[in-house]
Amino acid sequence: MPNITFPAKFEYLDEIRDLVAQVAREGGFTEKEIYSLQLAADEAASNIIEHAYAGVSNAELYITCDMRGDSLTITMRDTGRPFDPSKVKQPNLKADLSDRQIGGTRRVPDAKTDG
């Protein structure tokens, strides 16, 4: 069960994807499944780097890959700014894809703290 600490920087995403691929290959996953796992890990790590650690230069991202039987659990921990889903506008899931906001949802300013 690898437990590795990476600098929380975009330039380390290749190493994170490589770790996930290595563990998944050892666990018997197909190349298509490995690609999907890498994509999910890349997205999760990118969100942590971009949102939890925005403006922080010396942050770390803790990753654990745990194989149990034919199941792989990837856990990512950070000590950055927590995500508060109540501060995010709900997406319009009925809108045409071309009209939807790119990059997920955006934070709604809080009048008490954001001025």
PDB file of N, CA and C in Angstrom:
ATOM      1  N   MET A   1       0.851  -1.185   0.000  1.00  0.00           N
ATOM      2  CA  MET A   1       0.000   0.000   0.000  1.00  0.00           C
ATOM      3  C   MET A   1       0.889   1.239   0.000  1.00  0.00           C
ATOM      4  N   PRO A   2       1.201   1.787  -1.175  1.00  0.00           N
ATOM      5  CA  PRO A   2       2.019   2.995  -1.207  1.00  0.00           C
ATOM      6  C   PRO A   2       1.323   4.168  -0.527  1.00  0.00           C
ATOM      7  N   ASN A   3       2.072   4.883   0.279  1.00  0.00           N
ATOM      8  CA  ASN A   3       1.623   6.102   0.932  1.00  0.00           C
ATOM      9  C   ASN A   3       2.698   7.136   0.649  1.00  0.00           C
ATOM     10  N   ILE A   4       2.443   8.026  -0.298  1.00  0.00           N
ATOM     11  CA  ILE A   4       3.483   8.924  -0.789  1.00  0.00           C
ATOM     12  C   ILE A   4       3.034  10.366  -0.656  1.00  0.00           C
ATOM     13  N   THR A   5       3.979  11.228  -0.316  1.00  0.00           N
ATOM     14  CA  THR A   5       3.733  12.665  -0.241  1.00  0.00           C
ATOM     15  C   THR A   5       4.349  13.327  -1.467  1.00  0.00           C
ATOM     16  N   PHE A   6       3.537  14.114  -2.156  1.00  0.00           N
ATOM     17  CA  PHE A   6       3.986  14.856  -3.326  1.00  0.00           C
ATOM     18  C   PHE A   6       3.886  16.347  -3.048  1.00  0.00           C
ATOM     19  N   PRO A   7       4.779  17.149  -3.611  1.00  0.00           N
ATOM     20  CA  PRO A   7       4.546  18.596  -3.593  1.00  0.00           C
ATOM     21  C   PRO A   7       3.240  18.868  -4.346  1.00  0.00           C
ATOM     22  N   ALA A   8       2.416  19.739  -3.815  1.00  0.00           N
ATOM     23  CA  ALA A   8       1.126  20.041  -4.446  1.00  0.00           C
ATOM     24  C   ALA A   8       1.344  21.061  -5.558  1.00  0.00           C
ATOM     25  N   LYS A   9       1.914  20.570  -6.649  1.00  0.00           N
ATOM     26  CA  LYS A   9       2.208  21.396  -7.814  1.00  0.00           C
ATOM     27  C   LYS A   9       1.804  20.629  -9.062  1.00  0.00           C
ATOM     28  N   PHE A  10       1.318  21.372 -10.057  1.00  0.00           N
ATOM     29  CA  PHE A  10       0.848  20.730 -11.284  1.00  0.00           C
ATOM     30  C   PHE A  10       1.933  19.901 -11.959  1.00  0.00           C
ATOM     31  N   GLU A  11       3.187  20.300 -11.819  1.00  0.00           N
ATOM     32  CA  GLU A  11       4.266  19.555 -12.485  1.00  0.00           C
ATOM     33  C   GLU A  11       4.483  18.160 -11.887  1.00  0.00           C
ATOM     34  N   TYR A  12       3.820  17.825 -10.792  1.00  0.00           N
ATOM     35  CA  TYR A  12       3.930  16.487 -10.201  1.00  0.00           C
ATOM     36  C   TYR A  12       2.767  15.573 -10.593  1.00  0.00           C
ATOM     37  N   LEU A  13       1.867  16.060 -11.435  1.00  0.00           N
ATOM     38  CA  LEU A  13       0.730  15.225 -11.846  1.00  0.00           C
ATOM     39  C   LEU A  13       1.180  13.978 -12.602  1.00  0.00           C
ATOM     40  N   ASP A  14       2.240  14.084 -13.410  1.00  0.00           N
ATOM     41  CA  ASP A  14       2.744  12.898 -14.117  1.00  0.00           C
ATOM     42  C   ASP A  14       3.163  11.817 -13.130  1.00  0.00           C
ATOM     43  N   GLU A  15       3.832  12.207 -12.062  1.00  0.00           N
ATOM     44  CA  GLU A  15       4.274  11.232 -11.060  1.00  0.00           C
ATOM     45  C   GLU A  15       3.090  10.604 -10.334  1.00  0.00           C
ATOM     46  N   ILE A  16       2.060  11.399 -10.083  1.00  0.00           N
ATOM     47  CA  ILE A  16       0.859  10.876  -9.434  1.00  0.00           C
ATOM     48  C   ILE A  16       0.174   9.866 -10.358  1.00  0.00           C
ATOM     49  N   ARG A  17       0.040  10.211 -11.644  1.00  0.00           N
ATOM     50  CA  ARG A  17      -0.561   9.280 -12.602  1.00  0.00           C
ATOM     51  C   ARG A  17       0.276   8.004 -12.715  1.00  0.00           C
ATOM     52  N   ASP A  18       1.607   8.143 -12.690  1.00  0.00           N
ATOM     53  CA  ASP A  18       2.484   6.968 -12.768  1.00  0.00           C
ATOM     54  C   ASP A  18       2.296   6.058 -11.558  1.00  0.00           C
ATOM     55  N   LEU A  19       2.168   6.641 -10.374  1.00  0.00           N
ATOM     56  CA  LEU A  19       1.933   5.845  -9.168  1.00  0.00           C
ATOM     57  C   LEU A  19       0.640   5.053  -9.292  1.00  0.00           C
ATOM     58  N   VAL A  20      -0.421   5.725  -9.704  1.00  0.00           N
ATOM     59  CA  VAL A  20      -1.721   5.070  -9.853  1.00  0.00           C
ATOM     60  C   VAL A  20      -1.624   3.941 -10.875  1.00  0.00           C
ATOM     61  N   ALA A  21      -0.965   4.191 -12.000  1.00  0.00           N
ATOM     62  CA  ALA A  21      -0.821   3.165 -13.042  1.00  0.00           C
ATOM     63  C   ALA A  21      -0.045   1.963 -12.527  1.00  0.00           C
ATOM     64  N   GLN A  22       1.022   2.216 -11.807  1.00  0.00           N
ATOM     65  CA  GLN A  22       1.848   1.120 -11.285  1.00  0.00           C
ATOM     66  C   GLN A  22       1.046   0.218 -10.358  1.00  0.00           C
ATOM     67  N   VAL A  23       0.342   0.826  -9.414  1.00  0.00           N
ATOM     68  CA  VAL A  23      -0.443   0.040  -8.459  1.00  0.00           C
ATOM     69  C   VAL A  23      -1.571  -0.699  -9.184  1.00  0.00           C
ATOM     70  N   ALA A  24      -2.228  -0.026 -10.128  1.00  0.00           N
ATOM     71  CA  ALA A  24      -3.333  -0.648 -10.859  1.00  0.00           C
ATOM     72  C   ALA A  24      -2.841  -1.814 -11.723  1.00  0.00           C
ATOM     73  N   ARG A  25      -1.696  -1.652 -12.373  1.00  0.00           N
ATOM     74  CA  ARG A  25      -1.142  -2.749 -13.188  1.00  0.00           C
ATOM     75  C   ARG A  25      -0.818  -3.954 -12.307  1.00  0.00           C
ATOM     76  N   GLU A  26      -0.198  -3.687 -11.160  1.00  0.00           N
ATOM     77  CA  GLU A  26       0.123  -4.770 -10.230  1.00  0.00           C
ATOM     78  C   GLU A  26      -1.150  -5.456  -9.733  1.00  0.00           C
ATOM     79  N   GLY A  27      -2.259  -4.698  -9.704  1.00  0.00           N
ATOM     80  CA  GLY A  27      -3.537  -5.255  -9.259  1.00  0.00           C
ATOM     81  C   GLY A  27      -4.321  -5.938 -10.361  1.00  0.00           C
ATOM     82  N   GLY A  28      -3.786  -5.935 -11.597  1.00  0.00           N
ATOM     83  CA  GLY A  28      -4.427  -6.664 -12.683  1.00  0.00           C
ATOM     84  C   GLY A  28      -5.462  -5.889 -13.476  1.00  0.00           C
ATOM     85  N   PHE A  29      -5.482  -4.573 -13.351  1.00  0.00           N
ATOM     86  CA  PHE A  29      -6.428  -3.772 -14.115  1.00  0.00           C
ATOM     87  C   PHE A  29      -6.025  -3.723 -15.587  1.00  0.00           C
ATOM     88  N   THR A  30      -7.007  -3.567 -16.471  1.00  0.00           N
ATOM     89  CA  THR A  30      -6.732  -3.438 -17.901  1.00  0.00           C
ATOM     90  C   THR A  30      -6.194  -2.032 -18.181  1.00  0.00           C
ATOM     91  N   GLU A  31      -5.601  -1.844 -19.347  1.00  0.00           N
ATOM     92  CA  GLU A  31      -5.074  -0.521 -19.709  1.00  0.00           C
ATOM     93  C   GLU A  31      -6.183   0.522 -19.777  1.00  0.00           C
ATOM     94  N   LYS A  32      -7.358   0.137 -20.231  1.00  0.00           N
ATOM     95  CA  LYS A  32      -8.492   1.062 -20.278  1.00  0.00           C
ATOM     96  C   LYS A  32      -8.898   1.478 -18.858  1.00  0.00           C
ATOM     97  N   GLU A  33      -8.954   0.516 -17.957  1.00  0.00           N
ATOM     98  CA  GLU A  33      -9.300   0.821 -16.560  1.00  0.00           C
ATOM     99  C   GLU A  33      -8.218   1.699 -15.926  1.00  0.00           C
ATOM    100  N   ILE A  34      -6.967   1.409 -16.228  1.00  0.00           N
ATOM    101  CA  ILE A  34      -5.855   2.208 -15.687  1.00  0.00           C
ATOM    102  C   ILE A  34      -5.964   3.644 -16.151  1.00  0.00           C
ATOM    103  N   TYR A  35      -6.278   3.830 -17.431  1.00  0.00           N
ATOM    104  CA  TYR A  35      -6.440   5.188 -17.959  1.00  0.00           C
ATOM    105  C   TYR A  35      -7.543   5.926 -17.189  1.00  0.00           C
ATOM    106  N   SER A  36      -8.661   5.261 -16.949  1.00  0.00           N
ATOM    107  CA  SER A  36      -9.770   5.879 -16.212  1.00  0.00           C
ATOM    108  C   SER A  36      -9.362   6.237 -14.785  1.00  0.00           C
ATOM    109  N   LEU A  37      -8.611   5.355 -14.138  1.00  0.00           N
ATOM    110  CA  LEU A  37      -8.135   5.633 -12.780  1.00  0.00           C
ATOM    111  C   LEU A  37      -7.166   6.808 -12.770  1.00  0.00           C
ATOM    112  N   GLN A  38      -6.282   6.854 -13.759  1.00  0.00           N
ATOM    113  CA  GLN A  38      -5.344   7.967 -13.865  1.00  0.00           C
ATOM    114  C   GLN A  38      -6.086   9.284 -14.087  1.00  0.00           C
ATOM    115  N   LEU A  39      -7.083   9.261 -14.932  1.00  0.00           N
ATOM    116  CA  LEU A  39      -7.862  10.463 -15.217  1.00  0.00           C
ATOM    117  C   LEU A  39      -8.562  10.969 -13.955  1.00  0.00           C
ATOM    118  N   ALA A  40      -9.149  10.061 -13.189  1.00  0.00           N
ATOM    119  CA  ALA A  40      -9.833  10.446 -11.952  1.00  0.00           C
ATOM    120  C   ALA A  40      -8.841  11.005 -10.935  1.00  0.00           C
ATOM    121  N   ALA A  41      -7.689  10.362 -10.801  1.00  0.00           N
ATOM    122  CA  ALA A  41      -6.674  10.833  -9.854  1.00  0.00           C
ATOM    123  C   ALA A  41      -6.127  12.185 -10.279  1.00  0.00           C
ATOM    124  N   ASP A  42      -5.916  12.367 -11.567  1.00  0.00           N
ATOM    125  CA  ASP A  42      -5.425  13.643 -12.096  1.00  0.00           C
ATOM    126  C   ASP A  42      -6.415  14.764 -11.787  1.00  0.00           C
ATOM    127  N   GLU A  43      -7.700  14.509 -12.007  1.00  0.00           N
ATOM    128  CA  GLU A  43      -8.728  15.518 -11.757  1.00  0.00           C
ATOM    129  C   GLU A  43      -8.807  15.871 -10.267  1.00  0.00           C
ATOM    130  N   ALA A  44      -8.790  14.858  -9.422  1.00  0.00           N
ATOM    131  CA  ALA A  44      -8.859  15.108  -7.976  1.00  0.00           C
ATOM    132  C   ALA A  44      -7.634  15.886  -7.500  1.00  0.00           C
ATOM    133  N   ALA A  45      -6.444  15.477  -7.927  1.00  0.00           N
ATOM    134  CA  ALA A  45      -5.222  16.173  -7.523  1.00  0.00           C
ATOM    135  C   ALA A  45      -5.207  17.604  -8.063  1.00  0.00           C
ATOM    136  N   SER A  46      -5.640  17.787  -9.304  1.00  0.00           N
ATOM    137  CA  SER A  46      -5.684  19.134  -9.898  1.00  0.00           C
ATOM    138  C   SER A  46      -6.615  20.049  -9.113  1.00  0.00           C
ATOM    139  N   ASN A  47      -7.761  19.517  -8.692  1.00  0.00           N
ATOM    140  CA  ASN A  47      -8.696  20.328  -7.906  1.00  0.00           C
ATOM    141  C   ASN A  47      -8.093  20.726  -6.565  1.00  0.00           C
ATOM    142  N   ILE A  48      -7.390  19.808  -5.932  1.00  0.00           N
ATOM    143  CA  ILE A  48      -6.736  20.132  -4.656  1.00  0.00           C
ATOM    144  C   ILE A  48      -5.695  21.223  -4.864  1.00  0.00           C
ATOM    145  N   ILE A  49      -4.862  21.060  -5.883  1.00  0.00           N
ATOM    146  CA  ILE A  49      -3.797  22.031  -6.149  1.00  0.00           C
ATOM    147  C   ILE A  49      -4.400  23.394  -6.478  1.00  0.00           C
ATOM    148  N   GLU A  50      -5.397  23.400  -7.354  1.00  0.00           N
ATOM    149  CA  GLU A  50      -5.966  24.669  -7.818  1.00  0.00           C
ATOM    150  C   GLU A  50      -6.822  25.364  -6.778  1.00  0.00           C
ATOM    151  N   HIS A  51      -7.614  24.604  -6.039  1.00  0.00           N
ATOM    152  CA  HIS A  51      -8.591  25.226  -5.146  1.00  0.00           C
ATOM    153  C   HIS A  51      -8.179  25.217  -3.675  1.00  0.00           C
ATOM    154  N   ALA A  52      -7.765  24.080  -3.152  1.00  0.00           N
ATOM    155  CA  ALA A  52      -7.408  24.013  -1.732  1.00  0.00           C
ATOM    156  C   ALA A  52      -6.116  24.768  -1.442  1.00  0.00           C
ATOM    157  N   TYR A  53      -5.194  24.738  -2.396  1.00  0.00           N
ATOM    158  CA  TYR A  53      -3.886  25.343  -2.185  1.00  0.00           C
ATOM    159  C   TYR A  53      -3.636  26.577  -3.050  1.00  0.00           C
ATOM    160  N   ALA A  54      -4.683  27.232  -3.502  1.00  0.00           N
ATOM    161  CA  ALA A  54      -4.513  28.426  -4.327  1.00  0.00           C
ATOM    162  C   ALA A  54      -3.629  29.439  -3.598  1.00  0.00           C
ATOM    163  N   GLY A  55      -2.525  29.815  -4.235  1.00  0.00           N
ATOM    164  CA  GLY A  55      -1.626  30.816  -3.668  1.00  0.00           C
ATOM    165  C   GLY A  55      -0.628  30.281  -2.659  1.00  0.00           C
ATOM    166  N   VAL A  56      -0.636  28.980  -2.381  1.00  0.00           N
ATOM    167  CA  VAL A  56       0.287  28.388  -1.412  1.00  0.00           C
ATOM    168  C   VAL A  56       1.421  27.716  -2.185  1.00  0.00           C
ATOM    169  N   SER A  57       2.654  28.080  -1.888  1.00  0.00           N
ATOM    170  CA  SER A  57       3.773  27.577  -2.691  1.00  0.00           C
ATOM    171  C   SER A  57       4.447  26.321  -2.128  1.00  0.00           C
ATOM    172  N   ASN A  58       4.275  26.025  -0.862  1.00  0.00           N
ATOM    173  CA  ASN A  58       4.988  24.901  -0.248  1.00  0.00           C
ATOM    174  C   ASN A  58       4.044  23.811   0.275  1.00  0.00           C
ATOM    175  N   ALA A  59       2.923  23.624  -0.396  1.00  0.00           N
ATOM    176  CA  ALA A  59       1.911  22.677   0.058  1.00  0.00           C
ATOM    177  C   ALA A  59       2.269  21.244  -0.331  1.00  0.00           C
ATOM    178  N   GLU A  60       1.656  20.292   0.389  1.00  0.00           N
ATOM    179  CA  GLU A  60       1.883  18.876   0.110  1.00  0.00           C
ATOM    180  C   GLU A  60       0.557  18.152  -0.076  1.00  0.00           C
ATOM    181  N   LEU A  61       0.617  17.104  -0.883  1.00  0.00           N
ATOM    182  CA  LEU A  61      -0.539  16.269  -1.172  1.00  0.00           C
ATOM    183  C   LEU A  61      -0.168  14.843  -0.791  1.00  0.00           C
ATOM    184  N   TYR A  62      -0.970  14.234   0.069  1.00  0.00           N
ATOM    185  CA  TYR A  62      -0.697  12.896   0.585  1.00  0.00           C
ATOM    186  C   TYR A  62      -1.588  11.898  -0.146  1.00  0.00           C
ATOM    187  N   ILE A  63      -0.979  10.895  -0.764  1.00  0.00           N
ATOM    188  CA  ILE A  63      -1.735   9.934  -1.564  1.00  0.00           C
ATOM    189  C   ILE A  63      -1.455   8.514  -1.071  1.00  0.00           C
ATOM    190  N   THR A  64      -2.536   7.763  -0.889  1.00  0.00           N
ATOM    191  CA  THR A  64      -2.448   6.350  -0.531  1.00  0.00           C
ATOM    192  C   THR A  64      -3.199   5.555  -1.586  1.00  0.00           C
ATOM    193  N   CYS A  65      -2.580   4.497  -2.073  1.00  0.00           N
ATOM    194  CA  CYS A  65      -3.217   3.567  -3.011  1.00  0.00           C
ATOM    195  C   CYS A  65      -3.311   2.223  -2.311  1.00  0.00           C
ATOM    196  N   ASP A  66      -4.526   1.729  -2.129  1.00  0.00           N
ATOM    197  CA  ASP A  66      -4.755   0.506  -1.360  1.00  0.00           C
ATOM    198  C   ASP A  66      -5.484  -0.527  -2.209  1.00  0.00           C
ATOM    199  N   MET A  67      -4.784  -1.604  -2.555  1.00  0.00           N
ATOM    200  CA  MET A  67      -5.389  -2.718  -3.298  1.00  0.00           C
ATOM    201  C   MET A  67      -5.929  -3.732  -2.302  1.00  0.00           C
ATOM    202  N   ARG A  68      -7.192  -4.076  -2.454  1.00  0.00           N
ATOM    203  CA  ARG A  68      -7.811  -5.138  -1.659  1.00  0.00           C
ATOM    204  C   ARG A  68      -8.631  -5.996  -2.603  1.00  0.00           C
ATOM    205  N   GLY A  69      -8.140  -7.184  -2.828  1.00  0.00           N
ATOM    206  CA  GLY A  69      -8.789  -8.048  -3.814  1.00  0.00           C
ATOM    207  C   GLY A  69      -8.663  -7.415  -5.182  1.00  0.00           C
ATOM    208  N   ASP A  70      -9.806  -7.219  -5.846  1.00  0.00           N
ATOM    209  CA  ASP A  70      -9.782  -6.596  -7.166  1.00  0.00           C
ATOM    210  C   ASP A  70     -10.226  -5.136  -7.115  1.00  0.00           C
ATOM    211  N   SER A  71     -10.124  -4.528  -5.930  1.00  0.00           N
ATOM    212  CA  SER A  71     -10.559  -3.143  -5.736  1.00  0.00           C
ATOM    213  C   SER A  71      -9.373  -2.257  -5.361  1.00  0.00           C
ATOM    214  N   LEU A  72      -9.297  -1.092  -5.987  1.00  0.00           N
ATOM    215  CA  LEU A  72      -8.252  -0.111  -5.689  1.00  0.00           C
ATOM    216  C   LEU A  72      -8.902   1.128  -5.101  1.00  0.00           C
ATOM    217  N   THR A  73      -8.448   1.518  -3.922  1.00  0.00           N
ATOM    218  CA  THR A  73      -8.914   2.746  -3.295  1.00  0.00           C
ATOM    219  C   THR A  73      -7.766   3.742  -3.294  1.00  0.00           C
ATOM    220  N   ILE A  74      -8.003   4.905  -3.876  1.00  0.00           N
ATOM    221  CA  ILE A  74      -7.009   5.976  -3.908  1.00  0.00           C
ATOM    222  C   ILE A  74      -7.511   7.065  -2.971  1.00  0.00           C
ATOM    223  N   THR A  75      -6.710   7.380  -1.959  1.00  0.00           N
ATOM    224  CA  THR A  75      -7.080   8.403  -0.999  1.00  0.00           C
ATOM    225  C   THR A  75      -6.110   9.567  -1.131  1.00  0.00           C
ATOM    226  N   MET A  76      -6.660  10.769  -1.246  1.00  0.00           N
ATOM    227  CA  MET A  76      -5.841  11.981  -1.298  1.00  0.00           C
ATOM    228  C   MET A  76      -6.224  12.861  -0.122  1.00  0.00           C
ATOM    229  N   ARG A  77      -5.194  13.275   0.620  1.00  0.00           N
ATOM    230  CA  ARG A  77      -5.408  14.157   1.767  1.00  0.00           C
ATOM    231  C   ARG A  77      -4.622  15.440   1.550  1.00  0.00           C
ATOM    232  N   ASP A  78      -5.199  16.532   2.025  1.00  0.00           N
ATOM    233  CA  ASP A  78      -4.516  17.816   1.955  1.00  0.00           C
ATOM    234  C   ASP A  78      -4.829  18.610   3.212  1.00  0.00           C
ATOM    235  N   THR A  79      -4.083  19.648   3.422  1.00  0.00           N
ATOM    236  CA  THR A  79      -4.318  20.527   4.573  1.00  0.00           C
ATOM    237  C   THR A  79      -4.673  21.931   4.099  1.00  0.00           C
ATOM    238  N   GLY A  80      -5.203  22.002   2.885  1.00  0.00           N
ATOM    239  CA  GLY A  80      -5.558  23.287   2.292  1.00  0.00           C
ATOM    240  C   GLY A  80      -6.919  23.775   2.736  1.00  0.00           C
ATOM    241  N   ARG A  81      -7.367  24.815   2.051  1.00  0.00           N
ATOM    242  CA  ARG A  81      -8.665  25.416   2.349  1.00  0.00           C
ATOM    243  C   ARG A  81      -9.759  24.384   2.099  1.00  0.00           C
ATOM    244  N   PRO A  82     -10.635  24.162   3.068  1.00  0.00           N
ATOM    245  CA  PRO A  82     -11.683  23.155   2.892  1.00  0.00           C
ATOM    246  C   PRO A  82     -12.718  23.596   1.857  1.00  0.00           C
ATOM    247  N   PHE A  83     -13.340  22.620   1.235  1.00  0.00           N
ATOM    248  CA  PHE A  83     -14.408  22.869   0.273  1.00  0.00           C
ATOM    249  C   PHE A  83     -15.732  22.895   1.015  1.00  0.00           C
ATOM    250  N   ASP A  84     -16.500  23.952   0.799  1.00  0.00           N
ATOM    251  CA  ASP A  84     -17.823  24.089   1.421  1.00  0.00           C
ATOM    252  C   ASP A  84     -18.866  24.077   0.316  1.00  0.00           C
ATOM    253  N   PRO A  85     -19.548  22.942   0.106  1.00  0.00           N
ATOM    254  CA  PRO A  85     -20.503  22.858  -0.997  1.00  0.00           C
ATOM    255  C   PRO A  85     -21.648  23.862  -0.887  1.00  0.00           C
ATOM    256  N   SER A  86     -21.930  24.383   0.307  1.00  0.00           N
ATOM    257  CA  SER A  86     -23.012  25.364   0.443  1.00  0.00           C
ATOM    258  C   SER A  86     -22.629  26.715  -0.160  1.00  0.00           C
ATOM    259  N   LYS A  87     -21.351  26.905  -0.484  1.00  0.00           N
ATOM    260  CA  LYS A  87     -20.877  28.157  -1.081  1.00  0.00           C
ATOM    261  C   LYS A  87     -20.823  28.095  -2.608  1.00  0.00           C
ATOM    262  N   VAL A  88     -21.359  27.020  -3.185  1.00  0.00           N
ATOM    263  CA  VAL A  88     -21.263  26.813  -4.623  1.00  0.00           C
ATOM    264  C   VAL A  88     -22.656  26.859  -5.245  1.00  0.00           C
ATOM    265  N   LYS A  89     -22.776  27.605  -6.339  1.00  0.00           N
ATOM    266  CA  LYS A  89     -24.043  27.633  -7.065  1.00  0.00           C
ATOM    267  C   LYS A  89     -24.314  26.261  -7.675  1.00  0.00           C
ATOM    268  N   GLN A  90     -25.550  25.846  -7.621  1.00  0.00           N
ATOM    269  CA  GLN A  90     -25.940  24.578  -8.233  1.00  0.00           C
ATOM    270  C   GLN A  90     -25.912  24.725  -9.749  1.00  0.00           C
ATOM    271  N   PRO A  91     -25.350  23.759 -10.452  1.00  0.00           N
ATOM    272  CA  PRO A  91     -25.321  23.841 -11.915  1.00  0.00           C
ATOM    273  C   PRO A  91     -26.716  23.597 -12.486  1.00  0.00           C
ATOM    274  N   ASN A  92     -26.967  24.174 -13.644  1.00  0.00           N
ATOM    275  CA  ASN A  92     -28.217  23.926 -14.344  1.00  0.00           C
ATOM    276  C   ASN A  92     -28.030  22.684 -15.195  1.00  0.00           C
ATOM    277  N   LEU A  93     -28.449  21.545 -14.677  1.00  0.00           N
ATOM    278  CA  LEU A  93     -28.246  20.271 -15.359  1.00  0.00           C
ATOM    279  C   LEU A  93     -29.143  20.107 -16.579  1.00  0.00           C
ATOM    280  N   LYS A  94     -30.138  20.979 -16.725  1.00  0.00           N
ATOM    281  CA  LYS A  94     -31.033  20.901 -17.880  1.00  0.00           C
ATOM    282  C   LYS A  94     -30.551  21.774 -19.033  1.00  0.00           C
ATOM    283  N   ALA A  95     -29.561  22.615 -18.776  1.00  0.00           N
ATOM    284  CA  ALA A  95     -29.043  23.497 -19.819  1.00  0.00           C
ATOM    285  C   ALA A  95     -28.292  22.681 -20.865  1.00  0.00           C
ATOM    286  N   ASP A  96     -28.303  23.178 -22.089  1.00  0.00           N
ATOM    287  CA  ASP A  96     -27.536  22.553 -23.155  1.00  0.00           C
ATOM    288  C   ASP A  96     -26.061  22.566 -22.766  1.00  0.00           C
ATOM    289  N   LEU A  97     -25.331  21.519 -23.127  1.00  0.00           N
ATOM    290  CA  LEU A  97     -23.910  21.437 -22.756  1.00  0.00           C
ATOM    291  C   LEU A  97     -23.128  22.650 -23.220  1.00  0.00           C
ATOM    292  N   SER A  98     -23.464  23.185 -24.383  1.00  0.00           N
ATOM    293  CA  SER A  98     -22.727  24.342 -24.905  1.00  0.00           C
ATOM    294  C   SER A  98     -22.981  25.602 -24.087  1.00  0.00           C
ATOM    295  N   ASP A  99     -24.042  25.610 -23.289  1.00  0.00           N
ATOM    296  CA  ASP A  99     -24.366  26.777 -22.461  1.00  0.00           C
ATOM    297  C   ASP A  99     -23.880  26.646 -21.025  1.00  0.00           C
ATOM    298  N   ARG A 100     -23.374  25.481 -20.673  1.00  0.00           N
ATOM    299  CA  ARG A 100     -22.937  25.263 -19.291  1.00  0.00           C
ATOM    300  C   ARG A 100     -21.564  25.859 -19.047  1.00  0.00           C
ATOM    301  N   GLN A 101     -21.329  26.207 -17.804  1.00  0.00           N
ATOM    302  CA  GLN A 101     -20.042  26.770 -17.396  1.00  0.00           C
ATOM    303  C   GLN A 101     -18.956  25.704 -17.466  1.00  0.00           C
ATOM    304  N   ILE A 102     -17.827  26.057 -18.042  1.00  0.00           N
ATOM    305  CA  ILE A 102     -16.699  25.140 -18.140  1.00  0.00           C
ATOM    306  C   ILE A 102     -15.953  25.119 -16.817  1.00  0.00           C
ATOM    307  N   GLY A 103     -15.480  23.933 -16.406  1.00  0.00           N
ATOM    308  CA  GLY A 103     -14.658  23.842 -15.202  1.00  0.00           C
ATOM    309  C   GLY A 103     -15.430  23.658 -13.925  1.00  0.00           C
ATOM    310  N   GLY A 104     -16.621  23.155 -14.012  1.00  0.00           N
ATOM    311  CA  GLY A 104     -17.375  22.884 -12.793  1.00  0.00           C
ATOM    312  C   GLY A 104     -18.076  24.115 -12.269  1.00  0.00           C
ATOM    313  N   THR A 105     -18.385  24.078 -10.988  1.00  0.00           N
ATOM    314  CA  THR A 105     -19.119  25.164 -10.368  1.00  0.00           C
ATOM    315  C   THR A 105     -18.161  26.186  -9.790  1.00  0.00           C
ATOM    316  N   ARG A 106     -18.658  27.345  -9.561  1.00  0.00           N
ATOM    317  CA  ARG A 106     -17.862  28.429  -8.984  1.00  0.00           C
ATOM    318  C   ARG A 106     -18.401  28.777  -7.611  1.00  0.00           C
ATOM    319  N   ARG A 107     -17.522  29.260  -6.786  1.00  0.00           N
ATOM    320  CA  ARG A 107     -17.853  29.656  -5.424  1.00  0.00           C
ATOM    321  C   ARG A 107     -18.732  30.901  -5.458  1.00  0.00           C
ATOM    322  N   VAL A 108     -19.743  30.917  -4.608  1.00  0.00           N
ATOM    323  CA  VAL A 108     -20.621  32.083  -4.466  1.00  0.00           C
ATOM    324  C   VAL A 108     -20.028  32.949  -3.352  1.00  0.00           C
ATOM    325  N   PRO A 109     -19.764  34.245  -3.611  1.00  0.00           N
ATOM    326  CA  PRO A 109     -19.188  35.101  -2.564  1.00  0.00           C
ATOM    327  C   PRO A 109     -20.091  35.164  -1.341  1.00  0.00           C
ATOM    328  N   ASP A 110     -19.484  35.156  -0.185  1.00  0.00           N
ATOM    329  CA  ASP A 110     -20.183  35.265   1.087  1.00  0.00           C
ATOM    330  C   ASP A 110     -20.091  36.717   1.530  1.00  0.00           C
ATOM    331  N   ALA A 111     -21.223  37.379   1.638  1.00  0.00           N
ATOM    332  CA  ALA A 111     -21.238  38.806   1.966  1.00  0.00           C
ATOM    333  C   ALA A 111     -20.552  39.085   3.303  1.00  0.00           C
ATOM    334  N   LYS A 112     -20.555  38.127   4.224  1.00  0.00           N
ATOM    335  CA  LYS A 112     -19.954  38.335   5.548  1.00  0.00           C
ATOM    336  C   LYS A 112     -18.435  38.319   5.495  1.00  0.00           C
ATOM    337  N   THR A 113     -17.854  37.500   4.602  1.00  0.00           N
ATOM    338  CA  THR A 113     -16.395  37.367   4.602  1.00  0.00           C
ATOM    339  C   THR A 113     -15.737  37.883   3.343  1.00  0.00           C
ATOM    340  N   ASP A 114     -16.471  37.941   2.229  1.00  0.00           N
ATOM    341  CA  ASP A 114     -15.858  38.328   0.966  1.00  0.00           C
ATOM    342  C   ASP A 114     -16.100  39.789   0.631  1.00  0.00           C
ATOM    343  N   GLY A 115     -16.810  40.486   1.480  1.00  0.00           N
ATOM    344  CA  GLY A 115     -17.015  41.923   1.256  1.00  0.00           C
ATOM    345  C   GLY A 115     -18.047  42.148   0.296  1.00  0.00           C
TER     346      GLY A 115
END
